[in-house]
Amino acid sequence: MDTKQLPLRKCVACNGMFEKDKLFRLVRLSDGIHLDLTYKLQGRGAYVCKNKSCIDLALKKKGFNRSLRQAVPTEVFDNLYMELENDR
């Protein structure tokens, strides 16, 4: 029986290619930007590694702003950091 390989996605901070379950996904919806833990929300998405250094770099380089074509509020980054702590 073959095991199905997960699709690869690019981190907006380090530009590394990883399986999508190793990354956090932010998605732009009509009512704002949300953290998508199910990876199934419809809308424009952007991915970042599940480590503090990549999240810090994405914030510094404005990688999410560029990928999502919209300014990302600081509450979203707060949610990312909180989820990172819960994930460990």
PDB file of N, CA and C in Angstrom:
ATOM      1  N   MET A   1       0.833  -1.177   0.000  1.00  0.00           N
ATOM      2  CA  MET A   1       0.000   0.000   0.000  1.00  0.00           C
ATOM      3  C   MET A   1       0.882   1.246   0.000  1.00  0.00           C
ATOM      4  N   ASP A   2       0.631   2.138  -0.924  1.00  0.00           N
ATOM      5  CA  ASP A   2       1.398   3.376  -1.022  1.00  0.00           C
ATOM      6  C   ASP A   2       0.929   4.386   0.016  1.00  0.00           C
ATOM      7  N   THR A   3       1.894   5.092   0.599  1.00  0.00           N
ATOM      8  CA  THR A   3       1.530   6.188   1.492  1.00  0.00           C
ATOM      9  C   THR A   3       1.488   7.457   0.667  1.00  0.00           C
ATOM     10  N   LYS A   4       0.467   8.247   0.883  1.00  0.00           N
ATOM     11  CA  LYS A   4       0.285   9.467   0.121  1.00  0.00           C
ATOM     12  C   LYS A   4       1.168  10.560   0.691  1.00  0.00           C
ATOM     13  N   GLN A   5       1.951  11.192  -0.186  1.00  0.00           N
ATOM     14  CA  GLN A   5       2.827  12.280   0.239  1.00  0.00           C
ATOM     15  C   GLN A   5       2.033  13.583   0.266  1.00  0.00           C
ATOM     16  N   LEU A   6       2.237  14.359   1.336  1.00  0.00           N
ATOM     17  CA  LEU A   6       1.564  15.651   1.462  1.00  0.00           C
ATOM     18  C   LEU A   6       2.163  16.652   0.471  1.00  0.00           C
ATOM     19  N   PRO A   7       1.350  17.592  -0.011  1.00  0.00           N
ATOM     20  CA  PRO A   7       1.875  18.614  -0.911  1.00  0.00           C
ATOM     21  C   PRO A   7       2.889  19.518  -0.209  1.00  0.00           C
ATOM     22  N   LEU A   8       3.836  20.023  -0.990  1.00  0.00           N
ATOM     23  CA  LEU A   8       4.847  20.923  -0.457  1.00  0.00           C
ATOM     24  C   LEU A   8       4.377  22.362  -0.596  1.00  0.00           C
ATOM     25  N   ARG A   9       4.713  23.172   0.411  1.00  0.00           N
ATOM     26  CA  ARG A   9       4.391  24.588   0.405  1.00  0.00           C
ATOM     27  C   ARG A   9       5.637  25.365   0.804  1.00  0.00           C
ATOM     28  N   LYS A  10       5.709  26.628   0.388  1.00  0.00           N
ATOM     29  CA  LYS A  10       6.884  27.462   0.636  1.00  0.00           C
ATOM     30  C   LYS A  10       6.652  28.402   1.811  1.00  0.00           C
ATOM     31  N   CYS A  11       7.600  28.434   2.720  1.00  0.00           N
ATOM     32  CA  CYS A  11       7.553  29.355   3.860  1.00  0.00           C
ATOM     33  C   CYS A  11       7.842  30.775   3.370  1.00  0.00           C
ATOM     34  N   VAL A  12       7.033  31.748   3.807  1.00  0.00           N
ATOM     35  CA  VAL A  12       7.223  33.131   3.369  1.00  0.00           C
ATOM     36  C   VAL A  12       8.457  33.770   3.994  1.00  0.00           C
ATOM     37  N   ALA A  13       9.000  33.169   5.045  1.00  0.00           N
ATOM     38  CA  ALA A  13      10.161  33.746   5.726  1.00  0.00           C
ATOM     39  C   ALA A  13      11.479  33.178   5.197  1.00  0.00           C
ATOM     40  N   CYS A  14      11.653  31.860   5.284  1.00  0.00           N
ATOM     41  CA  CYS A  14      12.934  31.244   4.921  1.00  0.00           C
ATOM     42  C   CYS A  14      12.955  30.709   3.494  1.00  0.00           C
ATOM     43  N   ASN A  15      11.825  30.723   2.804  1.00  0.00           N
ATOM     44  CA  ASN A  15      11.680  30.230   1.433  1.00  0.00           C
ATOM     45  C   ASN A  15      11.970  28.741   1.283  1.00  0.00           C
ATOM     46  N   GLY A  16      11.928  28.004   2.378  1.00  0.00           N
ATOM     47  CA  GLY A  16      12.104  26.563   2.320  1.00  0.00           C
ATOM     48  C   GLY A  16      10.813  25.874   1.910  1.00  0.00           C
ATOM     49  N   MET A  17      10.939  24.733   1.246  1.00  0.00           N
ATOM     50  CA  MET A  17       9.780  23.944   0.838  1.00  0.00           C
ATOM     51  C   MET A  17       9.582  22.825   1.857  1.00  0.00           C
ATOM     52  N   PHE A  18       8.366  22.757   2.440  1.00  0.00           N
ATOM     53  CA  PHE A  18       8.056  21.778   3.465  1.00  0.00           C
ATOM     54  C   PHE A  18       6.680  21.188   3.207  1.00  0.00           C
ATOM     55  N   GLU A  19       6.422  20.012   3.809  1.00  0.00           N
ATOM     56  CA  GLU A  19       5.078  19.460   3.757  1.00  0.00           C
ATOM     57  C   GLU A  19       4.156  20.400   4.513  1.00  0.00           C
ATOM     58  N   LYS A  20       2.921  20.542   4.031  1.00  0.00           N
ATOM     59  CA  LYS A  20       2.074  21.596   4.590  1.00  0.00           C
ATOM     60  C   LYS A  20       1.663  21.374   6.037  1.00  0.00           C
ATOM     61  N   ASP A  21       1.755  20.148   6.556  1.00  0.00           N
ATOM     62  CA  ASP A  21       1.432  19.945   7.970  1.00  0.00           C
ATOM     63  C   ASP A  21       2.552  20.413   8.895  1.00  0.00           C
ATOM     64  N   LYS A  22       3.700  20.774   8.349  1.00  0.00           N
ATOM     65  CA  LYS A  22       4.819  21.302   9.131  1.00  0.00           C
ATOM     66  C   LYS A  22       4.799  22.828   9.187  1.00  0.00           C
ATOM     67  N   LEU A  23       3.761  23.442   8.599  1.00  0.00           N
ATOM     68  CA  LEU A  23       3.665  24.892   8.489  1.00  0.00           C
ATOM     69  C   LEU A  23       2.345  25.397   9.059  1.00  0.00           C
ATOM     70  N   PHE A  24       2.340  26.660   9.479  1.00  0.00           N
ATOM     71  CA  PHE A  24       1.095  27.351   9.813  1.00  0.00           C
ATOM     72  C   PHE A  24       0.593  28.012   8.543  1.00  0.00           C
ATOM     73  N   ARG A  25      -0.733  28.108   8.401  1.00  0.00           N
ATOM     74  CA  ARG A  25      -1.327  28.766   7.241  1.00  0.00           C
ATOM     75  C   ARG A  25      -2.160  29.952   7.696  1.00  0.00           C
ATOM     76  N   LEU A  26      -1.908  31.092   7.061  1.00  0.00           N
ATOM     77  CA  LEU A  26      -2.766  32.254   7.223  1.00  0.00           C
ATOM     78  C   LEU A  26      -3.567  32.390   5.940  1.00  0.00           C
ATOM     79  N   VAL A  27      -4.826  32.748   6.079  1.00  0.00           N
ATOM     80  CA  VAL A  27      -5.694  32.865   4.909  1.00  0.00           C
ATOM     81  C   VAL A  27      -6.407  34.206   4.948  1.00  0.00           C
ATOM     82  N   ARG A  28      -6.505  34.824   3.765  1.00  0.00           N
ATOM     83  CA  ARG A  28      -7.218  36.091   3.637  1.00  0.00           C
ATOM     84  C   ARG A  28      -8.649  35.801   3.212  1.00  0.00           C
ATOM     85  N   LEU A  29      -9.575  36.203   4.053  1.00  0.00           N
ATOM     86  CA  LEU A  29     -11.001  36.062   3.763  1.00  0.00           C
ATOM     87  C   LEU A  29     -11.607  37.453   3.634  1.00  0.00           C
ATOM     88  N   SER A  30     -12.873  37.503   3.274  1.00  0.00           N
ATOM     89  CA  SER A  30     -13.533  38.803   3.100  1.00  0.00           C
ATOM     90  C   SER A  30     -13.615  39.587   4.411  1.00  0.00           C
ATOM     91  N   ASP A  31     -13.634  38.888   5.545  1.00  0.00           N
ATOM     92  CA  ASP A  31     -13.737  39.584   6.830  1.00  0.00           C
ATOM     93  C   ASP A  31     -12.399  39.747   7.540  1.00  0.00           C
ATOM     94  N   GLY A  32     -11.291  39.500   6.851  1.00  0.00           N
ATOM     95  CA  GLY A  32      -9.978  39.702   7.447  1.00  0.00           C
ATOM     96  C   GLY A  32      -9.062  38.504   7.249  1.00  0.00           C
ATOM     97  N   ILE A  33      -7.975  38.501   7.999  1.00  0.00           N
ATOM     98  CA  ILE A  33      -6.967  37.443   7.900  1.00  0.00           C
ATOM     99  C   ILE A  33      -7.076  36.559   9.132  1.00  0.00           C
ATOM    100  N   HIS A  34      -7.069  35.239   8.897  1.00  0.00           N
ATOM    101  CA  HIS A  34      -7.258  34.276   9.978  1.00  0.00           C
ATOM    102  C   HIS A  34      -6.201  33.187   9.912  1.00  0.00           C
ATOM    103  N   LEU A  35      -5.897  32.619  11.069  1.00  0.00           N
ATOM    104  CA  LEU A  35      -5.047  31.448  11.167  1.00  0.00           C
ATOM    105  C   LEU A  35      -5.893  30.233  10.827  1.00  0.00           C
ATOM    106  N   ASP A  36      -5.462  29.451   9.839  1.00  0.00           N
ATOM    107  CA  ASP A  36      -6.216  28.295   9.361  1.00  0.00           C
ATOM    108  C   ASP A  36      -5.526  27.019   9.838  1.00  0.00           C
ATOM    109  N   LEU A  37      -6.019  26.447  10.922  1.00  0.00           N
ATOM    110  CA  LEU A  37      -5.413  25.230  11.469  1.00  0.00           C
ATOM    111  C   LEU A  37      -5.902  23.973  10.759  1.00  0.00           C
ATOM    112  N   THR A  38      -6.994  24.087   9.988  1.00  0.00           N
ATOM    113  CA  THR A  38      -7.533  22.926   9.270  1.00  0.00           C
ATOM    114  C   THR A  38      -6.970  22.816   7.863  1.00  0.00           C
ATOM    115  N   TYR A  39      -6.316  23.869   7.372  1.00  0.00           N
ATOM    116  CA  TYR A  39      -5.762  23.934   6.012  1.00  0.00           C
ATOM    117  C   TYR A  39      -6.850  23.804   4.944  1.00  0.00           C
ATOM    118  N   LYS A  40      -8.107  24.122   5.261  1.00  0.00           N
ATOM    119  CA  LYS A  40      -9.200  23.911   4.325  1.00  0.00           C
ATOM    120  C   LYS A  40     -10.011  25.160   4.012  1.00  0.00           C
ATOM    121  N   LEU A  41      -9.731  26.281   4.678  1.00  0.00           N
ATOM    122  CA  LEU A  41     -10.505  27.490   4.410  1.00  0.00           C
ATOM    123  C   LEU A  41     -10.262  27.972   2.982  1.00  0.00           C
ATOM    124  N   GLN A  42     -11.325  28.472   2.355  1.00  0.00           N
ATOM    125  CA  GLN A  42     -11.215  29.011   1.009  1.00  0.00           C
ATOM    126  C   GLN A  42     -10.645  30.418   1.080  1.00  0.00           C
ATOM    127  N   GLY A  43      -9.735  30.747   0.190  1.00  0.00           N
ATOM    128  CA  GLY A  43      -9.162  32.079   0.158  1.00  0.00           C
ATOM    129  C   GLY A  43      -7.677  32.019  -0.104  1.00  0.00           C
ATOM    130  N   ARG A  44      -7.078  33.160  -0.267  1.00  0.00           N
ATOM    131  CA  ARG A  44      -5.651  33.251  -0.538  1.00  0.00           C
ATOM    132  C   ARG A  44      -4.886  32.900   0.735  1.00  0.00           C
ATOM    133  N   GLY A  45      -3.945  31.975   0.628  1.00  0.00           N
ATOM    134  CA  GLY A  45      -3.208  31.515   1.787  1.00  0.00           C
ATOM    135  C   GLY A  45      -1.722  31.780   1.687  1.00  0.00           C
ATOM    136  N   ALA A  46      -1.073  31.812   2.841  1.00  0.00           N
ATOM    137  CA  ALA A  46       0.374  31.956   2.942  1.00  0.00           C
ATOM    138  C   ALA A  46       0.833  31.105   4.119  1.00  0.00           C
ATOM    139  N   TYR A  47       2.021  30.534   4.001  1.00  0.00           N
ATOM    140  CA  TYR A  47       2.516  29.581   4.975  1.00  0.00           C
ATOM    141  C   TYR A  47       3.796  30.069   5.632  1.00  0.00           C
ATOM    142  N   VAL A  48       3.995  29.643   6.902  1.00  0.00           N
ATOM    143  CA  VAL A  48       5.227  29.940   7.637  1.00  0.00           C
ATOM    144  C   VAL A  48       5.572  28.723   8.486  1.00  0.00           C
ATOM    145  N   CYS A  49       6.870  28.484   8.662  1.00  0.00           N
ATOM    146  CA  CYS A  49       7.339  27.352   9.467  1.00  0.00           C
ATOM    147  C   CYS A  49       6.831  27.462  10.897  1.00  0.00           C
ATOM    148  N   LYS A  50       6.736  26.320  11.553  1.00  0.00           N
ATOM    149  CA  LYS A  50       6.280  26.290  12.942  1.00  0.00           C
ATOM    150  C   LYS A  50       7.452  26.484  13.892  1.00  0.00           C
ATOM    151  N   ASN A  51       8.175  27.601  13.725  1.00  0.00           N
ATOM    152  CA  ASN A  51       9.218  27.955  14.684  1.00  0.00           C
ATOM    153  C   ASN A  51       9.264  29.469  14.840  1.00  0.00           C
ATOM    154  N   LYS A  52       9.724  29.899  15.988  1.00  0.00           N
ATOM    155  CA  LYS A  52       9.688  31.319  16.348  1.00  0.00           C
ATOM    156  C   LYS A  52      10.553  32.161  15.426  1.00  0.00           C
ATOM    157  N   SER A  53      11.708  31.641  15.014  1.00  0.00           N
ATOM    158  CA  SER A  53      12.604  32.438  14.179  1.00  0.00           C
ATOM    159  C   SER A  53      11.979  32.756  12.818  1.00  0.00           C
ATOM    160  N   CYS A  54      11.260  31.808  12.234  1.00  0.00           N
ATOM    161  CA  CYS A  54      10.616  32.073  10.946  1.00  0.00           C
ATOM    162  C   CYS A  54       9.436  33.034  11.096  1.00  0.00           C
ATOM    163  N   ILE A  55       8.691  32.923  12.175  1.00  0.00           N
ATOM    164  CA  ILE A  55       7.580  33.854  12.394  1.00  0.00           C
ATOM    165  C   ILE A  55       8.125  35.264  12.599  1.00  0.00           C
ATOM    166  N   ASP A  56       9.219  35.391  13.368  1.00  0.00           N
ATOM    167  CA  ASP A  56       9.853  36.698  13.565  1.00  0.00           C
ATOM    168  C   ASP A  56      10.348  37.272  12.241  1.00  0.00           C
ATOM    169  N   LEU A  57      10.954  36.420  11.416  1.00  0.00           N
ATOM    170  CA  LEU A  57      11.479  36.870  10.126  1.00  0.00           C
ATOM    171  C   LEU A  57      10.353  37.282   9.180  1.00  0.00           C
ATOM    172  N   ALA A  58       9.245  36.540   9.198  1.00  0.00           N
ATOM    173  CA  ALA A  58       8.092  36.902   8.363  1.00  0.00           C
ATOM    174  C   ALA A  58       7.523  38.247   8.781  1.00  0.00           C
ATOM    175  N   LEU A  59       7.505  38.511  10.071  1.00  0.00           N
ATOM    176  CA  LEU A  59       7.033  39.797  10.575  1.00  0.00           C
ATOM    177  C   LEU A  59       7.984  40.912  10.158  1.00  0.00           C
ATOM    178  N   LYS A  60       9.285  40.674  10.286  1.00  0.00           N
ATOM    179  CA  LYS A  60      10.289  41.682   9.951  1.00  0.00           C
ATOM    180  C   LYS A  60      10.309  41.975   8.444  1.00  0.00           C
ATOM    181  N   LYS A  61      10.267  40.921   7.613  1.00  0.00           N
ATOM    182  CA  LYS A  61      10.347  41.096   6.156  1.00  0.00           C
ATOM    183  C   LYS A  61       9.003  41.427   5.517  1.00  0.00           C
ATOM    184  N   LYS A  62       7.930  41.403   6.332  1.00  0.00           N
ATOM    185  CA  LYS A  62       6.562  41.629   5.840  1.00  0.00           C
ATOM    186  C   LYS A  62       6.191  40.621   4.760  1.00  0.00           C
ATOM    187  N   GLY A  63       6.597  39.383   4.971  1.00  0.00           N
ATOM    188  CA  GLY A  63       6.319  38.318   4.017  1.00  0.00           C
ATOM    189  C   GLY A  63       4.840  38.029   3.861  1.00  0.00           C
ATOM    190  N   PHE A  64       4.094  38.079   4.952  1.00  0.00           N
ATOM    191  CA  PHE A  64       2.652  37.832   4.867  1.00  0.00           C
ATOM    192  C   PHE A  64       1.940  38.983   4.158  1.00  0.00           C
ATOM    193  N   ASN A  65       2.378  40.210   4.421  1.00  0.00           N
ATOM    194  CA  ASN A  65       1.758  41.353   3.753  1.00  0.00           C
ATOM    195  C   ASN A  65       1.896  41.222   2.237  1.00  0.00           C
ATOM    196  N   ARG A  66       3.054  40.809   1.798  1.00  0.00           N
ATOM    197  CA  ARG A  66       3.315  40.652   0.373  1.00  0.00           C
ATOM    198  C   ARG A  66       2.525  39.480  -0.208  1.00  0.00           C
ATOM    199  N   SER A  67       2.526  38.348   0.471  1.00  0.00           N
ATOM    200  CA  SER A  67       1.854  37.154  -0.039  1.00  0.00           C
ATOM    201  C   SER A  67       0.337  37.290  -0.049  1.00  0.00           C
ATOM    202  N   LEU A  68      -0.204  37.891   0.999  1.00  0.00           N
ATOM    203  CA  LEU A  68      -1.651  38.019   1.110  1.00  0.00           C
ATOM    204  C   LEU A  68      -2.184  39.305   0.494  1.00  0.00           C
ATOM    205  N   ARG A  69      -1.259  40.163   0.052  1.00  0.00           N
ATOM    206  CA  ARG A  69      -1.622  41.431  -0.598  1.00  0.00           C
ATOM    207  C   ARG A  69      -2.513  42.306   0.286  1.00  0.00           C
ATOM    208  N   GLN A  70      -2.190  42.271   1.580  1.00  0.00           N
ATOM    209  CA  GLN A  70      -2.959  43.035   2.558  1.00  0.00           C
ATOM    210  C   GLN A  70      -2.126  43.119   3.834  1.00  0.00           C
ATOM    211  N   ALA A  71      -2.273  44.192   4.589  1.00  0.00           N
ATOM    212  CA  ALA A  71      -1.554  44.328   5.857  1.00  0.00           C
ATOM    213  C   ALA A  71      -2.126  43.334   6.874  1.00  0.00           C
ATOM    214  N   VAL A  72      -1.234  42.642   7.551  1.00  0.00           N
ATOM    215  CA  VAL A  72      -1.648  41.650   8.538  1.00  0.00           C
ATOM    216  C   VAL A  72      -1.654  42.299   9.917  1.00  0.00           C
ATOM    217  N   PRO A  73      -2.801  42.254  10.623  1.00  0.00           N
ATOM    218  CA  PRO A  73      -2.864  42.863  11.958  1.00  0.00           C
ATOM    219  C   PRO A  73      -1.989  42.111  12.972  1.00  0.00           C
ATOM    220  N   THR A  74      -1.580  42.815  14.012  1.00  0.00           N
ATOM    221  CA  THR A  74      -0.707  42.209  15.023  1.00  0.00           C
ATOM    222  C   THR A  74      -1.430  41.110  15.807  1.00  0.00           C
ATOM    223  N   GLU A  75      -2.765  41.158  15.880  1.00  0.00           N
ATOM    224  CA  GLU A  75      -3.504  40.102  16.590  1.00  0.00           C
ATOM    225  C   GLU A  75      -3.274  38.742  15.934  1.00  0.00           C
ATOM    226  N   VAL A  76      -3.109  38.741  14.619  1.00  0.00           N
ATOM    227  CA  VAL A  76      -2.873  37.481  13.904  1.00  0.00           C
ATOM    228  C   VAL A  76      -1.521  36.902  14.308  1.00  0.00           C
ATOM    229  N   PHE A  77      -0.509  37.766  14.431  1.00  0.00           N
ATOM    230  CA  PHE A  77       0.803  37.294  14.871  1.00  0.00           C
ATOM    231  C   PHE A  77       0.752  36.831  16.321  1.00  0.00           C
ATOM    232  N   ASP A  78      -0.053  37.502  17.149  1.00  0.00           N
ATOM    233  CA  ASP A  78      -0.238  37.044  18.529  1.00  0.00           C
ATOM    234  C   ASP A  78      -0.835  35.643  18.551  1.00  0.00           C
ATOM    235  N   ASN A  79      -1.819  35.395  17.670  1.00  0.00           N
ATOM    236  CA  ASN A  79      -2.418  34.061  17.561  1.00  0.00           C
ATOM    237  C   ASN A  79      -1.390  33.029  17.108  1.00  0.00           C
ATOM    238  N   LEU A  80      -0.520  33.422  16.178  1.00  0.00           N
ATOM    239  CA  LEU A  80       0.533  32.511  15.710  1.00  0.00           C
ATOM    240  C   LEU A  80       1.464  32.120  16.849  1.00  0.00           C
ATOM    241  N   TYR A  81       1.924  33.112  17.614  1.00  0.00           N
ATOM    242  CA  TYR A  81       2.819  32.821  18.742  1.00  0.00           C
ATOM    243  C   TYR A  81       2.134  31.963  19.794  1.00  0.00           C
ATOM    244  N   MET A  82       0.858  32.237  20.053  1.00  0.00           N
ATOM    245  CA  MET A  82       0.109  31.447  21.040  1.00  0.00           C
ATOM    246  C   MET A  82      -0.045  30.007  20.557  1.00  0.00           C
ATOM    247  N   GLU A  83      -0.352  29.832  19.288  1.00  0.00           N
ATOM    248  CA  GLU A  83      -0.503  28.486  18.733  1.00  0.00           C
ATOM    249  C   GLU A  83       0.824  27.740  18.724  1.00  0.00           C
ATOM    250  N   LEU A  84       1.906  28.464  18.498  1.00  0.00           N
ATOM    251  CA  LEU A  84       3.240  27.857  18.533  1.00  0.00           C
ATOM    252  C   LEU A  84       3.543  27.307  19.911  1.00  0.00           C
ATOM    253  N   GLU A  85       3.187  28.063  20.954  1.00  0.00           N
ATOM    254  CA  GLU A  85       3.407  27.586  22.324  1.00  0.00           C
ATOM    255  C   GLU A  85       2.513  26.380  22.636  1.00  0.00           C
ATOM    256  N   ASN A  86       1.270  26.367  22.150  1.00  0.00           N
ATOM    257  CA  ASN A  86       0.355  25.252  22.396  1.00  0.00           C
ATOM    258  C   ASN A  86       0.760  24.007  21.620  1.00  0.00           C
ATOM    259  N   ASP A  87       1.432  24.190  20.482  1.00  0.00           N
ATOM    260  CA  ASP A  87       1.816  23.086  19.613  1.00  0.00           C
ATOM    261  C   ASP A  87       2.943  22.262  20.211  1.00  0.00           C
ATOM    262  N   ARG A  88       3.720  22.868  21.084  1.00  0.00           N
ATOM    263  CA  ARG A  88       4.891  22.160  21.644  1.00  0.00           C
ATOM    264  C   ARG A  88       4.529  21.226  22.721  1.00  0.00           C
TER     265      ARG A  88
END
